[in-house]
N, C-alpha and C. Protein backbone atom coordinates (compact mmCIF):
# COMPACT_ATOMS: atom_id res chain seq x y z
N MET A 1 25.40 10.23 -20.12
CA MET A 1 25.53 10.15 -21.55
C MET A 1 24.83 8.90 -22.09
N ILE A 2 25.13 7.74 -21.51
CA ILE A 2 24.53 6.48 -21.96
C ILE A 2 23.04 6.49 -21.67
N LEU A 3 22.66 7.03 -20.52
CA LEU A 3 21.23 7.09 -20.18
C LEU A 3 20.47 7.97 -21.16
N ARG A 4 21.04 9.09 -21.57
CA ARG A 4 20.39 9.98 -22.54
C ARG A 4 20.26 9.29 -23.90
N LEU A 5 21.28 8.56 -24.30
CA LEU A 5 21.22 7.80 -25.55
C LEU A 5 20.12 6.74 -25.48
N LEU A 6 20.04 6.07 -24.34
CA LEU A 6 18.99 5.07 -24.14
C LEU A 6 17.60 5.72 -24.19
N GLU A 7 17.47 6.90 -23.61
CA GLU A 7 16.19 7.61 -23.64
C GLU A 7 15.78 7.95 -25.06
N ARG A 8 16.71 8.44 -25.86
CA ARG A 8 16.42 8.78 -27.27
C ARG A 8 16.05 7.53 -28.06
N LEU A 9 16.79 6.46 -27.82
CA LEU A 9 16.50 5.19 -28.49
C LEU A 9 15.11 4.68 -28.12
N GLU A 10 14.80 4.76 -26.84
CA GLU A 10 13.49 4.32 -26.35
C GLU A 10 12.36 5.15 -26.98
N GLU A 11 12.51 6.45 -26.99
CA GLU A 11 11.49 7.31 -27.58
C GLU A 11 11.35 7.07 -29.08
N SER A 12 12.46 6.91 -29.76
CA SER A 12 12.43 6.65 -31.21
C SER A 12 11.76 5.32 -31.51
N LEU A 13 12.07 4.31 -30.73
CA LEU A 13 11.46 3.00 -30.93
C LEU A 13 9.95 3.04 -30.67
N ILE A 14 9.54 3.76 -29.63
CA ILE A 14 8.11 3.89 -29.34
C ILE A 14 7.41 4.61 -30.49
N ALA A 15 8.02 5.68 -30.99
CA ALA A 15 7.43 6.41 -32.11
C ALA A 15 7.35 5.54 -33.36
N LEU A 16 8.41 4.78 -33.63
CA LEU A 16 8.42 3.89 -34.80
C LEU A 16 7.35 2.81 -34.68
N LEU A 17 7.23 2.23 -33.51
CA LEU A 17 6.21 1.19 -33.30
C LEU A 17 4.80 1.76 -33.44
N LEU A 18 4.58 2.94 -32.88
CA LEU A 18 3.26 3.56 -32.98
C LEU A 18 2.92 3.88 -34.43
N ALA A 19 3.88 4.42 -35.16
CA ALA A 19 3.66 4.72 -36.58
C ALA A 19 3.42 3.44 -37.38
N SER A 20 4.19 2.40 -37.08
CA SER A 20 4.01 1.12 -37.78
C SER A 20 2.64 0.53 -37.53
N MET A 21 2.22 0.56 -36.28
CA MET A 21 0.90 0.01 -35.94
C MET A 21 -0.20 0.80 -36.65
N THR A 22 -0.05 2.11 -36.70
CA THR A 22 -1.04 2.95 -37.37
C THR A 22 -1.08 2.66 -38.87
N LEU A 23 0.09 2.53 -39.49
CA LEU A 23 0.14 2.25 -40.93
C LEU A 23 -0.42 0.88 -41.28
N VAL A 24 -0.09 -0.13 -40.49
CA VAL A 24 -0.62 -1.47 -40.75
C VAL A 24 -2.14 -1.48 -40.60
N THR A 25 -2.63 -0.84 -39.56
CA THR A 25 -4.08 -0.79 -39.35
C THR A 25 -4.77 0.00 -40.45
N PHE A 26 -4.19 1.12 -40.85
CA PHE A 26 -4.76 1.92 -41.94
C PHE A 26 -4.77 1.11 -43.24
N GLY A 27 -3.67 0.43 -43.53
CA GLY A 27 -3.60 -0.40 -44.73
C GLY A 27 -4.63 -1.51 -44.71
N GLN A 28 -4.84 -2.10 -43.55
CA GLN A 28 -5.84 -3.16 -43.42
C GLN A 28 -7.24 -2.62 -43.67
N VAL A 29 -7.54 -1.45 -43.13
CA VAL A 29 -8.87 -0.84 -43.34
C VAL A 29 -9.08 -0.50 -44.81
N VAL A 30 -8.08 0.09 -45.44
CA VAL A 30 -8.20 0.43 -46.87
C VAL A 30 -8.37 -0.84 -47.70
N ALA A 31 -7.57 -1.87 -47.41
CA ALA A 31 -7.67 -3.12 -48.17
C ALA A 31 -9.04 -3.78 -47.98
N ARG A 32 -9.52 -3.77 -46.75
CA ARG A 32 -10.79 -4.45 -46.47
C ARG A 32 -11.98 -3.71 -47.07
N TYR A 33 -12.06 -2.40 -46.84
CA TYR A 33 -13.24 -1.66 -47.29
C TYR A 33 -13.10 -1.10 -48.70
N GLY A 34 -11.87 -0.92 -49.16
CA GLY A 34 -11.68 -0.40 -50.50
C GLY A 34 -11.56 -1.47 -51.56
N PHE A 35 -10.97 -2.61 -51.20
CA PHE A 35 -10.70 -3.66 -52.19
C PHE A 35 -11.28 -5.02 -51.80
N ASN A 36 -12.03 -5.05 -50.71
CA ASN A 36 -12.65 -6.29 -50.23
C ASN A 36 -11.60 -7.40 -50.05
N TYR A 37 -10.45 -7.01 -49.51
CA TYR A 37 -9.34 -7.94 -49.29
C TYR A 37 -8.84 -7.73 -47.87
N SER A 38 -8.36 -8.80 -47.26
CA SER A 38 -7.86 -8.68 -45.90
C SER A 38 -6.49 -9.32 -45.80
N PHE A 39 -5.57 -8.65 -45.12
CA PHE A 39 -4.26 -9.22 -44.84
C PHE A 39 -4.39 -10.13 -43.63
N SER A 40 -4.07 -11.39 -43.79
CA SER A 40 -4.26 -12.35 -42.70
C SER A 40 -3.34 -12.08 -41.51
N TRP A 41 -2.24 -11.42 -41.74
CA TRP A 41 -1.23 -11.20 -40.72
C TRP A 41 -1.39 -9.87 -39.99
N ALA A 42 -2.26 -8.99 -40.46
CA ALA A 42 -2.32 -7.61 -39.93
C ALA A 42 -2.73 -7.57 -38.46
N PHE A 43 -3.74 -8.33 -38.08
CA PHE A 43 -4.21 -8.29 -36.70
C PHE A 43 -3.14 -8.79 -35.74
N GLU A 44 -2.50 -9.90 -36.10
CA GLU A 44 -1.47 -10.46 -35.22
C GLU A 44 -0.28 -9.51 -35.10
N LEU A 45 0.12 -8.92 -36.21
CA LEU A 45 1.23 -7.98 -36.18
C LEU A 45 0.91 -6.76 -35.31
N THR A 46 -0.28 -6.21 -35.46
CA THR A 46 -0.63 -5.05 -34.62
C THR A 46 -0.74 -5.44 -33.16
N THR A 47 -1.13 -6.68 -32.88
CA THR A 47 -1.17 -7.15 -31.50
C THR A 47 0.24 -7.21 -30.92
N PHE A 48 1.20 -7.72 -31.69
CA PHE A 48 2.58 -7.77 -31.22
C PHE A 48 3.14 -6.37 -31.02
N ILE A 49 2.86 -5.48 -31.94
CA ILE A 49 3.35 -4.11 -31.83
C ILE A 49 2.73 -3.41 -30.61
N PHE A 50 1.44 -3.63 -30.39
CA PHE A 50 0.77 -3.02 -29.25
C PHE A 50 1.37 -3.53 -27.94
N GLY A 51 1.65 -4.84 -27.88
CA GLY A 51 2.30 -5.39 -26.68
C GLY A 51 3.66 -4.76 -26.44
N ALA A 52 4.41 -4.58 -27.53
CA ALA A 52 5.72 -3.93 -27.40
C ALA A 52 5.58 -2.50 -26.91
N LEU A 53 4.57 -1.80 -27.42
CA LEU A 53 4.33 -0.42 -26.97
C LEU A 53 4.02 -0.38 -25.47
N ILE A 54 3.26 -1.34 -25.00
CA ILE A 54 2.92 -1.38 -23.58
C ILE A 54 4.18 -1.56 -22.73
N PHE A 55 5.00 -2.56 -23.08
CA PHE A 55 6.16 -2.86 -22.24
C PHE A 55 7.27 -1.82 -22.36
N LEU A 56 7.40 -1.16 -23.49
CA LEU A 56 8.36 -0.07 -23.59
C LEU A 56 7.78 1.21 -22.97
N GLY A 57 6.47 1.37 -23.09
CA GLY A 57 5.81 2.55 -22.53
C GLY A 57 5.79 2.57 -21.02
N LEU A 58 5.87 1.41 -20.39
CA LEU A 58 5.92 1.37 -18.92
C LEU A 58 7.12 2.15 -18.40
N SER A 59 8.29 1.86 -18.94
CA SER A 59 9.49 2.54 -18.46
C SER A 59 9.49 4.01 -18.86
N TRP A 60 8.98 4.30 -20.05
CA TRP A 60 8.89 5.69 -20.49
C TRP A 60 7.97 6.48 -19.55
N GLY A 61 6.86 5.86 -19.15
CA GLY A 61 5.93 6.51 -18.23
C GLY A 61 6.57 6.82 -16.88
N VAL A 62 7.41 5.91 -16.40
CA VAL A 62 8.13 6.17 -15.14
C VAL A 62 9.09 7.33 -15.32
N ARG A 63 9.76 7.37 -16.46
CA ARG A 63 10.75 8.43 -16.71
C ARG A 63 10.12 9.81 -16.73
N ILE A 64 8.93 9.93 -17.33
CA ILE A 64 8.32 11.26 -17.45
C ILE A 64 7.26 11.53 -16.38
N ASN A 65 7.19 10.66 -15.36
CA ASN A 65 6.21 10.81 -14.26
C ASN A 65 4.77 10.80 -14.76
N ALA A 66 4.47 9.93 -15.70
CA ALA A 66 3.13 9.87 -16.26
C ALA A 66 2.22 8.88 -15.54
N HIS A 67 2.78 8.01 -14.72
CA HIS A 67 1.95 7.03 -14.02
C HIS A 67 1.27 7.67 -12.83
N ILE A 68 0.05 7.26 -12.60
CA ILE A 68 -0.67 7.78 -11.45
C ILE A 68 -0.35 6.91 -10.24
N GLY A 69 -0.54 7.48 -9.08
CA GLY A 69 -0.29 6.75 -7.85
C GLY A 69 -1.18 7.27 -6.74
N VAL A 70 -1.37 6.44 -5.74
CA VAL A 70 -2.16 6.84 -4.58
C VAL A 70 -1.18 7.47 -3.59
N ASP A 71 -1.24 8.78 -3.49
CA ASP A 71 -0.27 9.48 -2.66
C ASP A 71 -0.93 10.37 -1.61
N ALA A 72 -2.19 10.11 -1.30
CA ALA A 72 -2.89 10.97 -0.34
C ALA A 72 -2.21 10.95 1.02
N LEU A 73 -1.75 9.80 1.47
CA LEU A 73 -1.07 9.71 2.76
C LEU A 73 0.32 10.33 2.69
N VAL A 74 1.05 10.02 1.64
CA VAL A 74 2.43 10.50 1.51
C VAL A 74 2.48 12.02 1.44
N LYS A 75 1.49 12.63 0.81
CA LYS A 75 1.48 14.10 0.69
C LYS A 75 1.33 14.79 2.04
N HIS A 76 0.77 14.09 3.03
CA HIS A 76 0.57 14.70 4.34
C HIS A 76 1.70 14.38 5.33
N LEU A 77 2.68 13.63 4.86
CA LEU A 77 3.81 13.30 5.73
C LEU A 77 4.87 14.39 5.63
N PRO A 78 5.65 14.55 6.70
CA PRO A 78 6.81 15.46 6.61
C PRO A 78 7.80 14.93 5.56
N PRO A 79 8.71 15.78 5.11
CA PRO A 79 9.61 15.39 4.01
C PRO A 79 10.40 14.09 4.21
N VAL A 80 11.00 13.90 5.37
CA VAL A 80 11.84 12.71 5.57
C VAL A 80 11.00 11.42 5.58
N PRO A 81 9.91 11.35 6.35
CA PRO A 81 9.09 10.13 6.28
C PRO A 81 8.48 9.90 4.89
N ALA A 82 8.17 10.97 4.20
CA ALA A 82 7.63 10.83 2.84
C ALA A 82 8.68 10.20 1.93
N ARG A 83 9.91 10.61 2.07
CA ARG A 83 10.99 10.02 1.26
C ARG A 83 11.23 8.57 1.63
N VAL A 84 11.11 8.24 2.91
CA VAL A 84 11.29 6.84 3.35
C VAL A 84 10.20 5.96 2.74
N VAL A 85 8.95 6.43 2.79
CA VAL A 85 7.85 5.66 2.21
C VAL A 85 8.04 5.51 0.70
N ALA A 86 8.44 6.59 0.04
CA ALA A 86 8.67 6.53 -1.40
C ALA A 86 9.82 5.58 -1.74
N ALA A 87 10.87 5.58 -0.92
CA ALA A 87 11.99 4.66 -1.16
C ALA A 87 11.56 3.22 -0.98
N ILE A 88 10.75 2.94 0.03
CA ILE A 88 10.25 1.57 0.25
C ILE A 88 9.38 1.14 -0.93
N ALA A 89 8.50 2.03 -1.38
CA ALA A 89 7.65 1.73 -2.53
C ALA A 89 8.49 1.47 -3.78
N CYS A 90 9.55 2.25 -3.94
CA CYS A 90 10.43 2.09 -5.10
C CYS A 90 11.17 0.76 -5.03
N VAL A 91 11.64 0.38 -3.85
CA VAL A 91 12.31 -0.92 -3.69
C VAL A 91 11.34 -2.05 -4.01
N LEU A 92 10.09 -1.93 -3.58
CA LEU A 92 9.09 -2.95 -3.91
C LEU A 92 8.86 -3.03 -5.42
N CYS A 93 8.87 -1.88 -6.08
CA CYS A 93 8.74 -1.87 -7.54
C CYS A 93 9.94 -2.54 -8.20
N LEU A 94 11.12 -2.32 -7.65
CA LEU A 94 12.33 -2.98 -8.17
C LEU A 94 12.23 -4.50 -8.01
N VAL A 95 11.73 -4.95 -6.87
CA VAL A 95 11.54 -6.39 -6.65
C VAL A 95 10.56 -6.94 -7.67
N TYR A 96 9.48 -6.20 -7.90
CA TYR A 96 8.48 -6.62 -8.90
C TYR A 96 9.12 -6.73 -10.29
N THR A 97 9.94 -5.77 -10.65
CA THR A 97 10.55 -5.84 -11.98
C THR A 97 11.54 -7.00 -12.10
N VAL A 98 12.24 -7.31 -11.03
CA VAL A 98 13.15 -8.46 -11.05
C VAL A 98 12.34 -9.75 -11.23
N LEU A 99 11.25 -9.88 -10.51
CA LEU A 99 10.39 -11.07 -10.66
C LEU A 99 9.80 -11.15 -12.06
N GLY A 100 9.35 -10.01 -12.58
CA GLY A 100 8.81 -9.97 -13.94
C GLY A 100 9.86 -10.32 -14.98
N PHE A 101 11.07 -9.80 -14.80
CA PHE A 101 12.16 -10.11 -15.72
C PHE A 101 12.48 -11.60 -15.69
N TYR A 102 12.60 -12.14 -14.50
CA TYR A 102 12.94 -13.55 -14.35
C TYR A 102 11.87 -14.45 -14.99
N GLY A 103 10.61 -14.18 -14.68
CA GLY A 103 9.53 -14.98 -15.25
C GLY A 103 9.44 -14.85 -16.76
N SER A 104 9.61 -13.65 -17.27
CA SER A 104 9.54 -13.46 -18.72
C SER A 104 10.74 -14.07 -19.42
N TRP A 105 11.90 -14.07 -18.78
CA TRP A 105 13.08 -14.70 -19.35
C TRP A 105 12.86 -16.21 -19.49
N ILE A 106 12.29 -16.82 -18.45
CA ILE A 106 11.97 -18.25 -18.51
C ILE A 106 10.97 -18.52 -19.63
N TYR A 107 9.97 -17.66 -19.76
CA TYR A 107 8.95 -17.82 -20.80
C TYR A 107 9.57 -17.73 -22.20
N VAL A 108 10.41 -16.74 -22.42
CA VAL A 108 11.08 -16.59 -23.72
C VAL A 108 11.97 -17.81 -23.99
N ASP A 109 12.69 -18.26 -22.98
CA ASP A 109 13.56 -19.43 -23.14
C ASP A 109 12.75 -20.68 -23.51
N LYS A 110 11.61 -20.87 -22.87
CA LYS A 110 10.75 -22.03 -23.19
C LYS A 110 10.25 -21.94 -24.63
N MET A 111 9.84 -20.77 -25.05
CA MET A 111 9.36 -20.61 -26.42
C MET A 111 10.49 -20.84 -27.43
N TYR A 112 11.70 -20.46 -27.05
CA TYR A 112 12.86 -20.69 -27.91
C TYR A 112 13.13 -22.20 -28.03
N MET A 113 13.09 -22.88 -26.88
CA MET A 113 13.37 -24.32 -26.88
C MET A 113 12.30 -25.11 -27.63
N ILE A 114 11.05 -24.72 -27.49
CA ILE A 114 9.95 -25.42 -28.14
C ILE A 114 9.97 -25.16 -29.65
N GLY A 115 10.33 -23.94 -30.04
CA GLY A 115 10.40 -23.60 -31.46
C GLY A 115 9.06 -23.26 -32.08
N VAL A 116 8.16 -22.76 -31.29
CA VAL A 116 6.83 -22.39 -31.77
C VAL A 116 6.92 -21.12 -32.62
N TYR A 117 6.15 -21.10 -33.70
CA TYR A 117 6.08 -19.91 -34.55
C TYR A 117 4.77 -19.17 -34.30
N ALA A 118 4.76 -17.90 -34.61
CA ALA A 118 3.52 -17.12 -34.53
C ALA A 118 2.53 -17.69 -35.53
N GLN A 119 1.27 -17.44 -35.30
CA GLN A 119 0.22 -18.05 -36.13
C GLN A 119 0.19 -17.50 -37.56
N ASP A 120 0.21 -16.19 -37.72
CA ASP A 120 0.07 -15.58 -39.05
C ASP A 120 1.32 -14.88 -39.55
N VAL A 121 2.20 -14.49 -38.65
CA VAL A 121 3.44 -13.81 -39.02
C VAL A 121 4.56 -14.85 -38.97
N PRO A 122 5.34 -15.00 -40.03
CA PRO A 122 6.33 -16.09 -40.08
C PRO A 122 7.61 -15.81 -39.30
N VAL A 123 7.47 -15.64 -37.99
CA VAL A 123 8.63 -15.45 -37.11
C VAL A 123 8.46 -16.35 -35.89
N PRO A 124 9.57 -16.79 -35.31
CA PRO A 124 9.46 -17.59 -34.08
C PRO A 124 8.77 -16.78 -32.97
N ARG A 125 7.98 -17.44 -32.20
CA ARG A 125 7.22 -16.78 -31.13
C ARG A 125 8.14 -16.10 -30.11
N TRP A 126 9.32 -16.69 -29.86
CA TRP A 126 10.20 -16.11 -28.86
C TRP A 126 10.66 -14.72 -29.28
N VAL A 127 10.77 -14.48 -30.58
CA VAL A 127 11.18 -13.16 -31.07
C VAL A 127 10.13 -12.12 -30.70
N THR A 128 8.87 -12.48 -30.83
CA THR A 128 7.79 -11.52 -30.58
C THR A 128 7.61 -11.20 -29.11
N ILE A 129 8.05 -12.11 -28.23
CA ILE A 129 7.85 -11.87 -26.79
C ILE A 129 9.14 -11.45 -26.07
N THR A 130 10.20 -11.28 -26.82
CA THR A 130 11.45 -10.81 -26.21
C THR A 130 11.28 -9.42 -25.59
N VAL A 131 10.27 -8.70 -26.02
CA VAL A 131 10.01 -7.38 -25.45
C VAL A 131 9.66 -7.48 -23.96
N LEU A 132 9.19 -8.62 -23.49
CA LEU A 132 8.86 -8.76 -22.07
C LEU A 132 10.08 -8.57 -21.18
N PRO A 133 11.14 -9.37 -21.32
CA PRO A 133 12.30 -9.11 -20.45
C PRO A 133 12.98 -7.77 -20.73
N VAL A 134 12.96 -7.33 -21.98
CA VAL A 134 13.54 -6.02 -22.30
C VAL A 134 12.77 -4.92 -21.57
N GLY A 135 11.45 -5.00 -21.61
CA GLY A 135 10.61 -4.01 -20.93
C GLY A 135 10.83 -4.00 -19.43
N PHE A 136 10.92 -5.20 -18.83
CA PHE A 136 11.17 -5.26 -17.39
C PHE A 136 12.56 -4.75 -17.03
N ALA A 137 13.54 -5.00 -17.89
CA ALA A 137 14.90 -4.48 -17.64
C ALA A 137 14.90 -2.95 -17.69
N LEU A 138 14.22 -2.39 -18.69
CA LEU A 138 14.13 -0.92 -18.77
C LEU A 138 13.38 -0.35 -17.57
N LEU A 139 12.32 -1.04 -17.15
CA LEU A 139 11.56 -0.59 -15.98
C LEU A 139 12.43 -0.63 -14.72
N PHE A 140 13.26 -1.66 -14.59
CA PHE A 140 14.20 -1.73 -13.47
C PHE A 140 15.15 -0.54 -13.48
N LEU A 141 15.66 -0.23 -14.66
CA LEU A 141 16.57 0.91 -14.80
C LEU A 141 15.88 2.20 -14.36
N ARG A 142 14.65 2.40 -14.83
CA ARG A 142 13.92 3.64 -14.48
C ARG A 142 13.64 3.74 -12.98
N PHE A 143 13.20 2.63 -12.37
CA PHE A 143 12.95 2.66 -10.93
C PHE A 143 14.24 2.84 -10.15
N SER A 144 15.35 2.34 -10.67
CA SER A 144 16.65 2.55 -10.02
C SER A 144 17.01 4.03 -10.01
N VAL A 145 16.77 4.70 -11.14
CA VAL A 145 17.04 6.15 -11.23
C VAL A 145 16.15 6.91 -10.25
N VAL A 146 14.87 6.50 -10.17
CA VAL A 146 13.95 7.16 -9.23
C VAL A 146 14.42 6.94 -7.79
N LEU A 147 14.84 5.73 -7.47
CA LEU A 147 15.32 5.45 -6.10
C LEU A 147 16.55 6.28 -5.76
N VAL A 148 17.48 6.39 -6.69
CA VAL A 148 18.67 7.23 -6.45
C VAL A 148 18.26 8.68 -6.22
N ASP A 149 17.31 9.17 -7.02
CA ASP A 149 16.83 10.55 -6.83
C ASP A 149 16.17 10.74 -5.47
N ILE A 150 15.41 9.75 -5.04
CA ILE A 150 14.76 9.83 -3.72
C ILE A 150 15.81 9.83 -2.62
N LEU A 151 16.77 8.94 -2.71
CA LEU A 151 17.81 8.83 -1.68
C LEU A 151 18.70 10.08 -1.63
N ARG A 152 18.89 10.73 -2.77
CA ARG A 152 19.70 11.95 -2.80
C ARG A 152 18.89 13.20 -2.45
N GLY A 153 17.60 13.04 -2.23
CA GLY A 153 16.75 14.17 -1.84
C GLY A 153 16.25 15.00 -3.00
N ARG A 154 16.40 14.54 -4.23
CA ARG A 154 15.91 15.27 -5.39
C ARG A 154 14.42 15.08 -5.60
N ARG A 155 13.89 14.02 -5.02
CA ARG A 155 12.45 13.72 -5.14
C ARG A 155 11.92 13.38 -3.77
N ARG A 156 10.65 13.71 -3.55
CA ARG A 156 10.01 13.38 -2.29
C ARG A 156 9.06 12.21 -2.45
N GLN A 157 8.56 12.04 -3.66
CA GLN A 157 7.62 10.95 -3.90
C GLN A 157 8.00 10.23 -5.20
N MET A 158 7.41 9.05 -5.36
CA MET A 158 7.79 8.21 -6.49
C MET A 158 7.10 8.61 -7.78
N VAL A 159 5.87 9.04 -7.70
CA VAL A 159 5.10 9.40 -8.89
C VAL A 159 4.87 10.90 -8.92
N GLY A 160 4.45 11.39 -10.06
CA GLY A 160 4.14 12.81 -10.19
C GLY A 160 2.89 13.19 -9.42
N ASP A 161 2.71 14.46 -9.21
CA ASP A 161 1.54 14.97 -8.51
C ASP A 161 0.50 15.39 -9.54
N GLU A 162 -0.54 14.57 -9.71
CA GLU A 162 -1.53 14.83 -10.74
C GLU A 162 -2.29 16.14 -10.50
N ALA A 163 -2.63 16.40 -9.25
CA ALA A 163 -3.38 17.62 -8.95
C ALA A 163 -2.54 18.86 -9.23
N GLU A 164 -1.27 18.81 -8.85
CA GLU A 164 -0.38 19.94 -9.10
C GLU A 164 -0.19 20.15 -10.60
N ASP A 165 -0.02 19.04 -11.35
CA ASP A 165 0.12 19.15 -12.81
C ASP A 165 -1.13 19.73 -13.44
N ALA A 166 -2.29 19.27 -12.97
CA ALA A 166 -3.55 19.77 -13.52
C ALA A 166 -3.71 21.26 -13.27
N MET A 167 -3.34 21.71 -12.08
CA MET A 167 -3.44 23.14 -11.75
C MET A 167 -2.46 23.94 -12.60
N LYS A 168 -1.27 23.39 -12.82
CA LYS A 168 -0.26 24.08 -13.63
C LYS A 168 -0.76 24.23 -15.06
N TYR A 169 -1.29 23.13 -15.62
CA TYR A 169 -1.78 23.19 -16.99
C TYR A 169 -3.02 24.08 -17.10
N ALA A 170 -3.85 24.07 -16.07
CA ALA A 170 -5.03 24.93 -16.08
C ALA A 170 -4.63 26.40 -16.04
N SER A 171 -3.60 26.72 -15.25
CA SER A 171 -3.15 28.11 -15.20
C SER A 171 -2.49 28.50 -16.52
N ASP A 172 -1.78 27.55 -17.16
CA ASP A 172 -1.20 27.83 -18.49
C ASP A 172 -2.30 28.10 -19.50
N ASP A 173 -3.36 27.29 -19.46
CA ASP A 173 -4.50 27.47 -20.37
C ASP A 173 -5.17 28.82 -20.12
N GLN A 174 -5.33 29.17 -18.85
CA GLN A 174 -5.99 30.44 -18.51
C GLN A 174 -5.13 31.61 -18.97
N SER A 175 -3.81 31.50 -18.82
CA SER A 175 -2.92 32.57 -19.29
C SER A 175 -3.03 32.75 -20.79
N ALA A 176 -3.10 31.63 -21.52
CA ALA A 176 -3.23 31.70 -22.98
C ALA A 176 -4.55 32.35 -23.38
N ILE A 177 -5.61 32.03 -22.64
CA ILE A 177 -6.93 32.62 -22.93
C ILE A 177 -6.89 34.11 -22.69
N GLU A 178 -6.29 34.51 -21.55
CA GLU A 178 -6.23 35.93 -21.21
C GLU A 178 -5.38 36.70 -22.22
N GLN A 179 -4.28 36.10 -22.70
CA GLN A 179 -3.45 36.77 -23.68
C GLN A 179 -4.18 36.89 -25.01
N GLY A 180 -5.00 35.90 -25.33
CA GLY A 180 -5.76 35.94 -26.58
C GLY A 180 -6.85 37.01 -26.56
N ASN A 181 -7.38 37.31 -25.37
CA ASN A 181 -8.44 38.32 -25.24
C ASN A 181 -7.88 39.73 -25.14
N ALA A 182 -6.60 39.85 -24.88
CA ALA A 182 -6.03 41.19 -24.70
C ALA A 182 -5.86 41.93 -26.00
């Protein structure tokens, strides 16, 4: 229940950030080329929003199996060794997210203590970079879910199978073409 709520919140926030970035950029283009005026804060704001999209999108990509991976060796292993390799890879990803969270937490704390403000947007810099530890925490959560699925036998590999997905979508496209010609 809580995980589903978190997923909806994550997707809504990503959609809101993407729409905001698009609107700010569109407004900047209209102001610049239509009225020969430029918002001094637009570039910095879109940069912050884009960074937030990246760090929130990392965990979303893990959730929907959108990240690519090198799985040529794992695909040729029997099921149990493939799951062991995937579990080891997932544990390494969890270690990476813990290190990323720790480092980003220190960075946010230093920016808070220093009291630096963003250059063009009137907010403290630590507010704009808080997405770093939040993103790593969400990524940790997603990799934890993947590891549990691997250990329970629900998954054999950590990432999606790009070739299988491509064949599935190609067959869906071909079916649609054939139905359209009938």
